[in-house]
Amino acid sequence: MLEDKVGFCEQNEPVFKHKGKGLAMPPLPNAELVQSSVQLYRYLLRCCKHLPEENIRQHYRHAIRQSFKVHADEDDPERIQQIIKRAIEDADWVMDKYKRQK
């Protein structure tokens, strides 16, 4: 499994460990249009479809679902936007990581 690649921060959201800052390009087009939690969920699941192996796709789909369950009762709009921004940055890193391995 990829336990060494995925951790959880104090707020129980997935944190994909990496060095440096995120990359400028989003993993899929229209990441900048994601404004709601439902849009984010669908966007992240679409990102998973581009991962190279089924076990990797399953791992990240599971992490996405778990994170959404943990944050289901979040009602602060500012906090929701922070979570969305961080999730897209993390997805960007994951997508770039597997793109470089091809």
PDB file of N, CA and C in Angstrom:
ATOM      1  N   MET A   1       0.835  -1.189   0.000  1.00  0.00           N
ATOM      2  CA  MET A   1       0.000   0.000   0.000  1.00  0.00           C
ATOM      3  C   MET A   1       0.872   1.243   0.000  1.00  0.00           C
ATOM      4  N   LEU A   2       0.227   2.394   0.019  1.00  0.00           N
ATOM      5  CA  LEU A   2       0.945   3.647  -0.076  1.00  0.00           C
ATOM      6  C   LEU A   2       0.886   4.445   1.217  1.00  0.00           C
ATOM      7  N   GLU A   3       0.888   3.767   2.375  1.00  0.00           N
ATOM      8  CA  GLU A   3       0.754   4.480   3.638  1.00  0.00           C
ATOM      9  C   GLU A   3       1.835   5.529   3.820  1.00  0.00           C
ATOM     10  N   ASP A   4       3.026   5.263   3.312  1.00  0.00           N
ATOM     11  CA  ASP A   4       4.106   6.224   3.486  1.00  0.00           C
ATOM     12  C   ASP A   4       3.925   7.455   2.603  1.00  0.00           C
ATOM     13  N   LYS A   5       3.012   7.412   1.686  1.00  0.00           N
ATOM     14  CA  LYS A   5       2.789   8.546   0.784  1.00  0.00           C
ATOM     15  C   LYS A   5       1.629   9.420   1.232  1.00  0.00           C
ATOM     16  N   VAL A   6       0.710   8.861   2.010  1.00  0.00           N
ATOM     17  CA  VAL A   6      -0.467   9.608   2.425  1.00  0.00           C
ATOM     18  C   VAL A   6      -0.507   9.642   3.943  1.00  0.00           C
ATOM     19  N   GLY A   7      -0.678  10.821   4.503  1.00  0.00           N
ATOM     20  CA  GLY A   7      -0.833  10.977   5.940  1.00  0.00           C
ATOM     21  C   GLY A   7      -2.079  11.797   6.196  1.00  0.00           C
ATOM     22  N   PHE A   8      -2.323  12.112   7.446  1.00  0.00           N
ATOM     23  CA  PHE A   8      -3.469  12.941   7.775  1.00  0.00           C
ATOM     24  C   PHE A   8      -3.006  14.047   8.699  1.00  0.00           C
ATOM     25  N   CYS A   9      -3.441  15.272   8.433  1.00  0.00           N
ATOM     26  CA  CYS A   9      -3.078  16.397   9.278  1.00  0.00           C
ATOM     27  C   CYS A   9      -4.025  16.445  10.476  1.00  0.00           C
ATOM     28  N   GLU A  10      -3.867  17.465  11.324  1.00  0.00           N
ATOM     29  CA  GLU A  10      -4.681  17.557  12.530  1.00  0.00           C
ATOM     30  C   GLU A  10      -6.174  17.595  12.240  1.00  0.00           C
ATOM     31  N   GLN A  11      -6.587  18.116  11.114  1.00  0.00           N
ATOM     32  CA  GLN A  11      -8.005  18.203  10.776  1.00  0.00           C
ATOM     33  C   GLN A  11      -8.496  16.943  10.080  1.00  0.00           C
ATOM     34  N   ASN A  12      -7.683  15.877  10.057  1.00  0.00           N
ATOM     35  CA  ASN A  12      -8.032  14.595   9.442  1.00  0.00           C
ATOM     36  C   ASN A  12      -8.280  14.690   7.946  1.00  0.00           C
ATOM     37  N   GLU A  13      -7.632  15.633   7.279  1.00  0.00           N
ATOM     38  CA  GLU A  13      -7.753  15.648   5.838  1.00  0.00           C
ATOM     39  C   GLU A  13      -6.502  15.011   5.255  1.00  0.00           C
ATOM     40  N   PRO A  14      -6.623  14.337   4.109  1.00  0.00           N
ATOM     41  CA  PRO A  14      -5.453  13.663   3.567  1.00  0.00           C
ATOM     42  C   PRO A  14      -4.374  14.659   3.188  1.00  0.00           C
ATOM     43  N   VAL A  15      -3.150  14.318   3.500  1.00  0.00           N
ATOM     44  CA  VAL A  15      -2.010  15.141   3.136  1.00  0.00           C
ATOM     45  C   VAL A  15      -1.051  14.242   2.385  1.00  0.00           C
ATOM     46  N   PHE A  16      -0.788  14.571   1.150  1.00  0.00           N
ATOM     47  CA  PHE A  16       0.132  13.802   0.349  1.00  0.00           C
ATOM     48  C   PHE A  16       1.507  14.407   0.537  1.00  0.00           C
ATOM     49  N   LYS A  17       2.417  13.646   1.127  1.00  0.00           N
ATOM     50  CA  LYS A  17       3.720  14.172   1.488  1.00  0.00           C
ATOM     51  C   LYS A  17       4.553  14.405   0.239  1.00  0.00           C
ATOM     52  N   HIS A  18       5.120  15.601   0.160  1.00  0.00           N
ATOM     53  CA  HIS A  18       5.999  15.921  -0.942  1.00  0.00           C
ATOM     54  C   HIS A  18       6.879  17.096  -0.562  1.00  0.00           C
ATOM     55  N   LYS A  19       7.942  17.272  -1.295  1.00  0.00           N
ATOM     56  CA  LYS A  19       8.856  18.373  -1.040  1.00  0.00           C
ATOM     57  C   LYS A  19       8.528  19.517  -1.989  1.00  0.00           C
ATOM     58  N   GLY A  20       8.804  20.716  -1.559  1.00  0.00           N
ATOM     59  CA  GLY A  20       8.602  21.870  -2.413  1.00  0.00           C
ATOM     60  C   GLY A  20       7.159  22.305  -2.465  1.00  0.00           C
ATOM     61  N   LYS A  21       6.915  23.294  -3.275  1.00  0.00           N
ATOM     62  CA  LYS A  21       5.563  23.833  -3.415  1.00  0.00           C
ATOM     63  C   LYS A  21       4.860  23.110  -4.550  1.00  0.00           C
ATOM     64  N   GLY A  22       3.562  23.266  -4.613  1.00  0.00           N
ATOM     65  CA  GLY A  22       2.774  22.639  -5.662  1.00  0.00           C
ATOM     66  C   GLY A  22       3.145  23.167  -7.038  1.00  0.00           C
ATOM     67  N   LEU A  23       2.740  22.465  -8.044  1.00  0.00           N
ATOM     68  CA  LEU A  23       2.993  22.889  -9.411  1.00  0.00           C
ATOM     69  C   LEU A  23       1.887  23.803  -9.882  1.00  0.00           C
ATOM     70  N   ALA A  24       2.146  24.564 -10.900  1.00  0.00           N
ATOM     71  CA  ALA A  24       1.197  25.579 -11.357  1.00  0.00           C
ATOM     72  C   ALA A  24      -0.008  24.993 -12.085  1.00  0.00           C
ATOM     73  N   MET A  25       0.158  23.884 -12.780  1.00  0.00           N
ATOM     74  CA  MET A  25      -0.940  23.365 -13.584  1.00  0.00           C
ATOM     75  C   MET A  25      -1.807  22.402 -12.788  1.00  0.00           C
ATOM     76  N   PRO A  26      -3.131  22.521 -12.891  1.00  0.00           N
ATOM     77  CA  PRO A  26      -4.013  21.570 -12.225  1.00  0.00           C
ATOM     78  C   PRO A  26      -3.970  20.228 -12.938  1.00  0.00           C
ATOM     79  N   PRO A  27      -4.320  19.138 -12.236  1.00  0.00           N
ATOM     80  CA  PRO A  27      -4.257  17.814 -12.845  1.00  0.00           C
ATOM     81  C   PRO A  27      -5.244  17.632 -13.991  1.00  0.00           C
ATOM     82  N   LEU A  28      -6.379  18.267 -13.943  1.00  0.00           N
ATOM     83  CA  LEU A  28      -7.356  18.207 -15.018  1.00  0.00           C
ATOM     84  C   LEU A  28      -7.829  19.620 -15.314  1.00  0.00           C
ATOM     85  N   PRO A  29      -8.309  19.855 -16.514  1.00  0.00           N
ATOM     86  CA  PRO A  29      -8.854  21.179 -16.821  1.00  0.00           C
ATOM     87  C   PRO A  29     -10.027  21.521 -15.911  1.00  0.00           C
ATOM     88  N   ASN A  30     -10.249  22.778 -15.703  1.00  0.00           N
ATOM     89  CA  ASN A  30     -11.392  23.311 -14.957  1.00  0.00           C
ATOM     90  C   ASN A  30     -11.292  23.149 -13.443  1.00  0.00           C
ATOM     91  N   ALA A  31     -10.108  22.898 -12.910  1.00  0.00           N
ATOM     92  CA  ALA A  31      -9.957  22.819 -11.450  1.00  0.00           C
ATOM     93  C   ALA A  31     -10.349  24.142 -10.815  1.00  0.00           C
ATOM     94  N   GLU A  32     -10.108  25.222 -11.519  1.00  0.00           N
ATOM     95  CA  GLU A  32     -10.434  26.546 -10.982  1.00  0.00           C
ATOM     96  C   GLU A  32     -11.939  26.770 -10.864  1.00  0.00           C
ATOM     97  N   LEU A  33     -12.745  25.915 -11.500  1.00  0.00           N
ATOM     98  CA  LEU A  33     -14.198  26.048 -11.433  1.00  0.00           C
ATOM     99  C   LEU A  33     -14.811  25.319 -10.237  1.00  0.00           C
ATOM    100  N   VAL A  34     -14.010  24.536  -9.528  1.00  0.00           N
ATOM    101  CA  VAL A  34     -14.516  23.784  -8.377  1.00  0.00           C
ATOM    102  C   VAL A  34     -14.813  24.754  -7.246  1.00  0.00           C
ATOM    103  N   GLN A  35     -16.081  24.841  -6.850  1.00  0.00           N
ATOM    104  CA  GLN A  35     -16.497  25.762  -5.800  1.00  0.00           C
ATOM    105  C   GLN A  35     -17.231  25.090  -4.652  1.00  0.00           C
ATOM    106  N   SER A  36     -17.733  23.893  -4.865  1.00  0.00           N
ATOM    107  CA  SER A  36     -18.507  23.226  -3.822  1.00  0.00           C
ATOM    108  C   SER A  36     -17.891  21.863  -3.507  1.00  0.00           C
ATOM    109  N   SER A  37     -18.309  21.302  -2.400  1.00  0.00           N
ATOM    110  CA  SER A  37     -17.778  20.002  -1.996  1.00  0.00           C
ATOM    111  C   SER A  37     -18.188  18.898  -2.982  1.00  0.00           C
ATOM    112  N   VAL A  38     -19.379  18.983  -3.516  1.00  0.00           N
ATOM    113  CA  VAL A  38     -19.819  17.980  -4.499  1.00  0.00           C
ATOM    114  C   VAL A  38     -18.986  18.086  -5.772  1.00  0.00           C
ATOM    115  N   GLN A  39     -18.723  19.302  -6.216  1.00  0.00           N
ATOM    116  CA  GLN A  39     -17.875  19.489  -7.396  1.00  0.00           C
ATOM    117  C   GLN A  39     -16.470  18.961  -7.141  1.00  0.00           C
ATOM    118  N   LEU A  40     -15.954  19.212  -5.954  1.00  0.00           N
ATOM    119  CA  LEU A  40     -14.622  18.715  -5.601  1.00  0.00           C
ATOM    120  C   LEU A  40     -14.598  17.189  -5.610  1.00  0.00           C
ATOM    121  N   TYR A  41     -15.597  16.578  -5.012  1.00  0.00           N
ATOM    122  CA  TYR A  41     -15.672  15.119  -4.949  1.00  0.00           C
ATOM    123  C   TYR A  41     -15.635  14.522  -6.355  1.00  0.00           C
ATOM    124  N   ARG A  42     -16.468  15.043  -7.230  1.00  0.00           N
ATOM    125  CA  ARG A  42     -16.519  14.530  -8.604  1.00  0.00           C
ATOM    126  C   ARG A  42     -15.203  14.783  -9.337  1.00  0.00           C
ATOM    127  N   TYR A  43     -14.620  15.958  -9.138  1.00  0.00           N
ATOM    128  CA  TYR A  43     -13.350  16.310  -9.763  1.00  0.00           C
ATOM    129  C   TYR A  43     -12.241  15.339  -9.340  1.00  0.00           C
ATOM    130  N   LEU A  44     -12.151  15.067  -8.028  1.00  0.00           N
ATOM    131  CA  LEU A  44     -11.105  14.178  -7.531  1.00  0.00           C
ATOM    132  C   LEU A  44     -11.303  12.753  -8.033  1.00  0.00           C
ATOM    133  N   LEU A  45     -12.545  12.291  -8.092  1.00  0.00           N
ATOM    134  CA  LEU A  45     -12.787  10.948  -8.629  1.00  0.00           C
ATOM    135  C   LEU A  45     -12.437  10.868 -10.116  1.00  0.00           C
ATOM    136  N   ARG A  46     -12.680  11.951 -10.856  1.00  0.00           N
ATOM    137  CA  ARG A  46     -12.261  11.971 -12.269  1.00  0.00           C
ATOM    138  C   ARG A  46     -10.740  11.929 -12.381  1.00  0.00           C
ATOM    139  N   CYS A  47     -10.050  12.598 -11.469  1.00  0.00           N
ATOM    140  CA  CYS A  47      -8.582  12.533 -11.463  1.00  0.00           C
ATOM    141  C   CYS A  47      -8.110  11.094 -11.285  1.00  0.00           C
ATOM    142  N   CYS A  48      -8.773  10.353 -10.415  1.00  0.00           N
ATOM    143  CA  CYS A  48      -8.378   8.963 -10.154  1.00  0.00           C
ATOM    144  C   CYS A  48      -8.420   8.113 -11.416  1.00  0.00           C
ATOM    145  N   LYS A  49      -9.321   8.422 -12.320  1.00  0.00           N
ATOM    146  CA  LYS A  49      -9.429   7.642 -13.552  1.00  0.00           C
ATOM    147  C   LYS A  49      -8.172   7.733 -14.403  1.00  0.00           C
ATOM    148  N   HIS A  50      -7.354   8.764 -14.177  1.00  0.00           N
ATOM    149  CA  HIS A  50      -6.137   8.967 -14.963  1.00  0.00           C
ATOM    150  C   HIS A  50      -4.903   8.327 -14.328  1.00  0.00           C
ATOM    151  N   LEU A  51      -5.059   7.692 -13.170  1.00  0.00           N
ATOM    152  CA  LEU A  51      -3.928   7.041 -12.515  1.00  0.00           C
ATOM    153  C   LEU A  51      -3.620   5.730 -13.209  1.00  0.00           C
ATOM    154  N   PRO A  52      -2.359   5.289 -13.183  1.00  0.00           N
ATOM    155  CA  PRO A  52      -1.929   4.187 -14.045  1.00  0.00           C
ATOM    156  C   PRO A  52      -2.397   2.790 -13.659  1.00  0.00           C
ATOM    157  N   GLU A  53      -2.549   2.487 -12.380  1.00  0.00           N
ATOM    158  CA  GLU A  53      -2.871   1.112 -11.978  1.00  0.00           C
ATOM    159  C   GLU A  53      -4.127   1.083 -11.127  1.00  0.00           C
ATOM    160  N   GLU A  54      -4.852  -0.018 -11.226  1.00  0.00           N
ATOM    161  CA  GLU A  54      -6.126  -0.136 -10.503  1.00  0.00           C
ATOM    162  C   GLU A  54      -5.946  -0.054  -8.985  1.00  0.00           C
ATOM    163  N   ASN A  55      -4.907  -0.680  -8.448  1.00  0.00           N
ATOM    164  CA  ASN A  55      -4.728  -0.621  -6.991  1.00  0.00           C
ATOM    165  C   ASN A  55      -4.419   0.795  -6.512  1.00  0.00           C
ATOM    166  N   ILE A  56      -3.742   1.576  -7.312  1.00  0.00           N
ATOM    167  CA  ILE A  56      -3.468   2.983  -6.983  1.00  0.00           C
ATOM    168  C   ILE A  56      -4.766   3.777  -7.050  1.00  0.00           C
ATOM    169  N   ARG A  57      -5.570   3.534  -8.092  1.00  0.00           N
ATOM    170  CA  ARG A  57      -6.861   4.222  -8.219  1.00  0.00           C
ATOM    171  C   ARG A  57      -7.753   3.907  -7.015  1.00  0.00           C
ATOM    172  N   GLN A  58      -7.807   2.633  -6.625  1.00  0.00           N
ATOM    173  CA  GLN A  58      -8.622   2.243  -5.480  1.00  0.00           C
ATOM    174  C   GLN A  58      -8.142   2.918  -4.197  1.00  0.00           C
ATOM    175  N   HIS A  59      -6.845   2.986  -4.015  1.00  0.00           N
ATOM    176  CA  HIS A  59      -6.291   3.619  -2.819  1.00  0.00           C
ATOM    177  C   HIS A  59      -6.727   5.082  -2.716  1.00  0.00           C
ATOM    178  N   TYR A  60      -6.569   5.829  -3.783  1.00  0.00           N
ATOM    179  CA  TYR A  60      -6.911   7.245  -3.740  1.00  0.00           C
ATOM    180  C   TYR A  60      -8.427   7.465  -3.687  1.00  0.00           C
ATOM    181  N   ARG A  61      -9.208   6.617  -4.349  1.00  0.00           N
ATOM    182  CA  ARG A  61     -10.669   6.727  -4.227  1.00  0.00           C
ATOM    183  C   ARG A  61     -11.103   6.523  -2.774  1.00  0.00           C
ATOM    184  N   HIS A  62     -10.489   5.549  -2.118  1.00  0.00           N
ATOM    185  CA  HIS A  62     -10.798   5.299  -0.711  1.00  0.00           C
ATOM    186  C   HIS A  62     -10.412   6.508   0.150  1.00  0.00           C
ATOM    187  N   ALA A  63      -9.231   7.074  -0.079  1.00  0.00           N
ATOM    188  CA  ALA A  63      -8.785   8.245   0.689  1.00  0.00           C
ATOM    189  C   ALA A  63      -9.730   9.429   0.472  1.00  0.00           C
ATOM    190  N   ILE A  64     -10.198   9.614  -0.752  1.00  0.00           N
ATOM    191  CA  ILE A  64     -11.132  10.702  -1.062  1.00  0.00           C
ATOM    192  C   ILE A  64     -12.441  10.496  -0.309  1.00  0.00           C
ATOM    193  N   ARG A  65     -12.981   9.296  -0.378  1.00  0.00           N
ATOM    194  CA  ARG A  65     -14.252   9.007   0.311  1.00  0.00           C
ATOM    195  C   ARG A  65     -14.124   9.196   1.820  1.00  0.00           C
ATOM    196  N   GLN A  66     -13.036   8.718   2.400  1.00  0.00           N
ATOM    197  CA  GLN A  66     -12.831   8.864   3.838  1.00  0.00           C
ATOM    198  C   GLN A  66     -12.746  10.336   4.233  1.00  0.00           C
ATOM    199  N   SER A  67     -12.042  11.113   3.456  1.00  0.00           N
ATOM    200  CA  SER A  67     -11.904  12.535   3.766  1.00  0.00           C
ATOM    201  C   SER A  67     -13.252  13.243   3.693  1.00  0.00           C
ATOM    202  N   PHE A  68     -14.061  12.876   2.718  1.00  0.00           N
ATOM    203  CA  PHE A  68     -15.380  13.504   2.614  1.00  0.00           C
ATOM    204  C   PHE A  68     -16.281  13.099   3.773  1.00  0.00           C
ATOM    205  N   LYS A  69     -16.163  11.881   4.237  1.00  0.00           N
ATOM    206  CA  LYS A  69     -16.949  11.463   5.398  1.00  0.00           C
ATOM    207  C   LYS A  69     -16.539  12.242   6.639  1.00  0.00           C
ATOM    208  N   VAL A  70     -15.249  12.446   6.811  1.00  0.00           N
ATOM    209  CA  VAL A  70     -14.736  13.173   7.976  1.00  0.00           C
ATOM    210  C   VAL A  70     -15.222  14.622   7.972  1.00  0.00           C
ATOM    211  N   HIS A  71     -15.293  15.229   6.798  1.00  0.00           N
ATOM    212  CA  HIS A  71     -15.647  16.650   6.690  1.00  0.00           C
ATOM    213  C   HIS A  71     -17.114  16.885   6.334  1.00  0.00           C
ATOM    214  N   ALA A  72     -17.944  15.868   6.413  1.00  0.00           N
ATOM    215  CA  ALA A  72     -19.344  15.987   5.991  1.00  0.00           C
ATOM    216  C   ALA A  72     -20.117  17.047   6.769  1.00  0.00           C
ATOM    217  N   ASP A  73     -19.756  17.286   8.020  1.00  0.00           N
ATOM    218  CA  ASP A  73     -20.500  18.253   8.830  1.00  0.00           C
ATOM    219  C   ASP A  73     -19.878  19.649   8.826  1.00  0.00           C
ATOM    220  N   GLU A  74     -18.872  19.867   7.995  1.00  0.00           N
ATOM    221  CA  GLU A  74     -18.227  21.187   7.912  1.00  0.00           C
ATOM    222  C   GLU A  74     -19.215  22.195   7.345  1.00  0.00           C
ATOM    223  N   ASP A  75     -19.402  23.325   8.042  1.00  0.00           N
ATOM    224  CA  ASP A  75     -20.358  24.325   7.556  1.00  0.00           C
ATOM    225  C   ASP A  75     -19.764  25.726   7.420  1.00  0.00           C
ATOM    226  N   ASP A  76     -18.499  25.909   7.752  1.00  0.00           N
ATOM    227  CA  ASP A  76     -17.845  27.204   7.606  1.00  0.00           C
ATOM    228  C   ASP A  76     -17.386  27.368   6.154  1.00  0.00           C
ATOM    229  N   PRO A  77     -17.967  28.330   5.413  1.00  0.00           N
ATOM    230  CA  PRO A  77     -17.622  28.490   3.993  1.00  0.00           C
ATOM    231  C   PRO A  77     -16.128  28.756   3.760  1.00  0.00           C
ATOM    232  N   GLU A  78     -15.498  29.498   4.659  1.00  0.00           N
ATOM    233  CA  GLU A  78     -14.070  29.780   4.498  1.00  0.00           C
ATOM    234  C   GLU A  78     -13.253  28.499   4.657  1.00  0.00           C
ATOM    235  N   ARG A  79     -13.593  27.699   5.637  1.00  0.00           N
ATOM    236  CA  ARG A  79     -12.893  26.423   5.864  1.00  0.00           C
ATOM    237  C   ARG A  79     -13.118  25.471   4.688  1.00  0.00           C
ATOM    238  N   ILE A  80     -14.321  25.450   4.148  1.00  0.00           N
ATOM    239  CA  ILE A  80     -14.606  24.598   2.985  1.00  0.00           C
ATOM    240  C   ILE A  80     -13.729  25.004   1.803  1.00  0.00           C
ATOM    241  N   GLN A  81     -13.577  26.301   1.579  1.00  0.00           N
ATOM    242  CA  GLN A  81     -12.723  26.770   0.480  1.00  0.00           C
ATOM    243  C   GLN A  81     -11.258  26.401   0.717  1.00  0.00           C
ATOM    244  N   GLN A  82     -10.802  26.441   1.973  1.00  0.00           N
ATOM    245  CA  GLN A  82      -9.432  26.021   2.295  1.00  0.00           C
ATOM    246  C   GLN A  82      -9.243  24.536   1.975  1.00  0.00           C
ATOM    247  N   ILE A  83     -10.220  23.733   2.341  1.00  0.00           N
ATOM    248  CA  ILE A  83     -10.138  22.298   2.089  1.00  0.00           C
ATOM    249  C   ILE A  83     -10.123  22.030   0.585  1.00  0.00           C
ATOM    250  N   ILE A  84     -10.968  22.728  -0.162  1.00  0.00           N
ATOM    251  CA  ILE A  84     -11.017  22.558  -1.619  1.00  0.00           C
ATOM    252  C   ILE A  84      -9.671  22.909  -2.239  1.00  0.00           C
ATOM    253  N   LYS A  85      -9.114  24.046  -1.839  1.00  0.00           N
ATOM    254  CA  LYS A  85      -7.822  24.496  -2.387  1.00  0.00           C
ATOM    255  C   LYS A  85      -6.735  23.465  -2.096  1.00  0.00           C
ATOM    256  N   ARG A  86      -6.685  22.991  -0.872  1.00  0.00           N
ATOM    257  CA  ARG A  86      -5.652  22.020  -0.490  1.00  0.00           C
ATOM    258  C   ARG A  86      -5.839  20.700  -1.234  1.00  0.00           C
ATOM    259  N   ALA A  87      -7.067  20.247  -1.379  1.00  0.00           N
ATOM    260  CA  ALA A  87      -7.328  18.984  -2.071  1.00  0.00           C
ATOM    261  C   ALA A  87      -6.903  19.058  -3.538  1.00  0.00           C
ATOM    262  N   ILE A  88      -7.148  20.190  -4.179  1.00  0.00           N
ATOM    263  CA  ILE A  88      -6.740  20.344  -5.580  1.00  0.00           C
ATOM    264  C   ILE A  88      -5.219  20.382  -5.689  1.00  0.00           C
ATOM    265  N   GLU A  89      -4.554  21.060  -4.765  1.00  0.00           N
ATOM    266  CA  GLU A  89      -3.082  21.082  -4.765  1.00  0.00           C
ATOM    267  C   GLU A  89      -2.526  19.671  -4.571  1.00  0.00           C
ATOM    268  N   ASP A  90      -3.119  18.916  -3.652  1.00  0.00           N
ATOM    269  CA  ASP A  90      -2.663  17.550  -3.415  1.00  0.00           C
ATOM    270  C   ASP A  90      -2.911  16.663  -4.634  1.00  0.00           C
ATOM    271  N   ALA A  91      -4.059  16.826  -5.269  1.00  0.00           N
ATOM    272  CA  ALA A  91      -4.365  16.052  -6.476  1.00  0.00           C
ATOM    273  C   ALA A  91      -3.369  16.395  -7.578  1.00  0.00           C
ATOM    274  N   ASP A  92      -3.013  17.657  -7.682  1.00  0.00           N
ATOM    275  CA  ASP A  92      -2.023  18.102  -8.663  1.00  0.00           C
ATOM    276  C   ASP A  92      -0.705  17.371  -8.442  1.00  0.00           C
ATOM    277  N   TRP A  93      -0.278  17.304  -7.190  1.00  0.00           N
ATOM    278  CA  TRP A  93       0.978  16.630  -6.880  1.00  0.00           C
ATOM    279  C   TRP A  93       0.912  15.145  -7.212  1.00  0.00           C
ATOM    280  N   VAL A  94      -0.179  14.492  -6.835  1.00  0.00           N
ATOM    281  CA  VAL A  94      -0.329  13.052  -7.091  1.00  0.00           C
ATOM    282  C   VAL A  94      -0.318  12.782  -8.592  1.00  0.00           C
ATOM    283  N   MET A  95      -1.066  13.567  -9.341  1.00  0.00           N
ATOM    284  CA  MET A  95      -1.136  13.360 -10.788  1.00  0.00           C
ATOM    285  C   MET A  95       0.234  13.570 -11.428  1.00  0.00           C
ATOM    286  N   ASP A  96       0.952  14.591 -10.985  1.00  0.00           N
ATOM    287  CA  ASP A  96       2.282  14.860 -11.530  1.00  0.00           C
ATOM    288  C   ASP A  96       3.247  13.726 -11.181  1.00  0.00           C
ATOM    289  N   LYS A  97       3.145  13.212  -9.975  1.00  0.00           N
ATOM    290  CA  LYS A  97       4.009  12.112  -9.527  1.00  0.00           C
ATOM    291  C   LYS A  97       3.869  10.902 -10.443  1.00  0.00           C
ATOM    292  N   TYR A  98       2.643  10.505 -10.738  1.00  0.00           N
ATOM    293  CA  TYR A  98       2.445   9.319 -11.557  1.00  0.00           C
ATOM    294  C   TYR A  98       2.679   9.610 -13.036  1.00  0.00           C
ATOM    295  N   LYS A  99       2.504  10.848 -13.440  1.00  0.00           N
ATOM    296  CA  LYS A  99       2.807  11.196 -14.834  1.00  0.00           C
ATOM    297  C   LYS A  99       4.307  11.079 -15.091  1.00  0.00           C
ATOM    298  N   ARG A 100       5.120  11.469 -14.114  1.00  0.00           N
ATOM    299  CA  ARG A 100       6.581  11.375 -14.269  1.00  0.00           C
ATOM    300  C   ARG A 100       7.081   9.937 -14.269  1.00  0.00           C
ATOM    301  N   GLN A 101       6.326   9.019 -13.654  1.00  0.00           N
ATOM    302  CA  GLN A 101       6.750   7.624 -13.572  1.00  0.00           C
ATOM    303  C   GLN A 101       6.515   6.852 -14.872  1.00  0.00           C
ATOM    304  N   LYS A 102       5.699   7.378 -15.758  1.00  0.00           N
ATOM    305  CA  LYS A 102       5.391   6.668 -17.007  1.00  0.00           C
ATOM    306  C   LYS A 102       6.600   6.464 -17.867  1.00  0.00           C
TER     307      LYS A 102
END
